[in-house]
Structure formats: structure tokens, C-alpha cells
Amino acid sequence: MSMNQDIHNFIQYLHQEKQTSENTEVSYERDLKKMILYLTAHGVDRIDAVTPEVLNSYVIELEQSGLKPATVSRSVASMKAFFHYEELEQRTSADPAFELKAPKVEKKAPTILTTEQTNRLLAQPKDNSAKGLRDKAMLELLYATGIRVSECVGLDITDVDFRNNGIKVHRKGGAEVVVYFGDEVRTALLNYL
């Protein structure tokens, strides 16, 4: 089996067993294909021939290429997950990424909008077109409930309970939670509908 086929099988496993998002799957696949190019260029063409040393050299090359530490850390996470899977599948006798270290990522405090900036953002959709009403409803809902954009986009009309001002949000892993909102959100949603 080729290393590219191994990656394909791993991505299928993530999708079916771990129910990862499409963004995660695309990122992992991109990172791992880039790793394979490096391995192949260094004479490694089988999963069971990958050593901790060659992976460490690859990480050093990523760091020296000017990539941000967060990007290198994501690549390391991709490799760790992939080789753990390969070990479970008995495609390699030992996990060569087990002791791989990611660079330290400097955590930045999130930027917080002022009250004035928040009010200006919520006032942005000004027209009464379908798009303007939709944007107003989405912004109000996101602001009032704190749900993720992906959760908002995934809502169906059947998820909205106008009698109790609540929405049923489908979380990763199949969990459902009910989040409540105020009358401004209710009005914005009804205007859009």
C-alpha cells in the first residue's frame, strides 16, 4: 500500500469514526501530503521505514522555512494523529511521532469589540432585501447566543422554537443543546422568515 493510500484511509477513518469537520480533514490531508513529499525526497517510501529522526528533521525544516509556530504545531498534530492511527492499524511497529515536539505557540488574547463597535456591527445590514434581513438575523443570533458560525449555518427552521425563544443547536459528536435568545433576535428571525 502506498503512503498516499495510507493517508486516504486515515482521512476516511477521521470522517467515519471521529466525525471530524471537513476543514480538519482538508488540513490534515494537506499537512500529511507535504510530509510525504519530504519523506520521499529523503529516501523514505514506506510507513514502516519512517523514523523519529526523519520526522524531527522535517519539523526543523518547517520551522526554518519561516512558517508560523501555529502552522508547524498543526503539522505536528497531524503527524501525531496519523502515526498513532498507523500503529493501531499495525502498519508500523512503533509510533515514530510519539515524542515529536511542537514549537511553543504564543497565545494572543482575543480582540474584544467595544460596545460602540458591537452596535455598529449589528447595525450593518441596513436594507430590507432578503440578504439584508438574513444578515441581520444571523448577526443578532450569533451575538445573543454565542453559538459558532458553523452551528448557525447548520440551523433548520425546525430547530427554532419561537414560543420559548430557543434554538436547538447540534454540537459535534451528535449532542444537542437548547440556547435561548431575546425578543430582538426573535423579531430579526421573524422578519427574515
Foldseek 3Di string as FASTA:
>chain_A
DWVLVLLVVLLVCCCPPVVDDPVLSVLLNVLVVVVCVQCVVVVHTAPQPDALVSVLVVLVVVVVVPDALVSSQSSLVSLQSSLVVCCVVVSYVDRRSPPPDGDDHDDDDDDDDDPVRLVCCLPPLPDLDLVSLVSNLLSQCCVFFVDDPVQSVPFDPVQADLVQQWGWTQDPPGDTDITHGDPVSSVSVVSSD
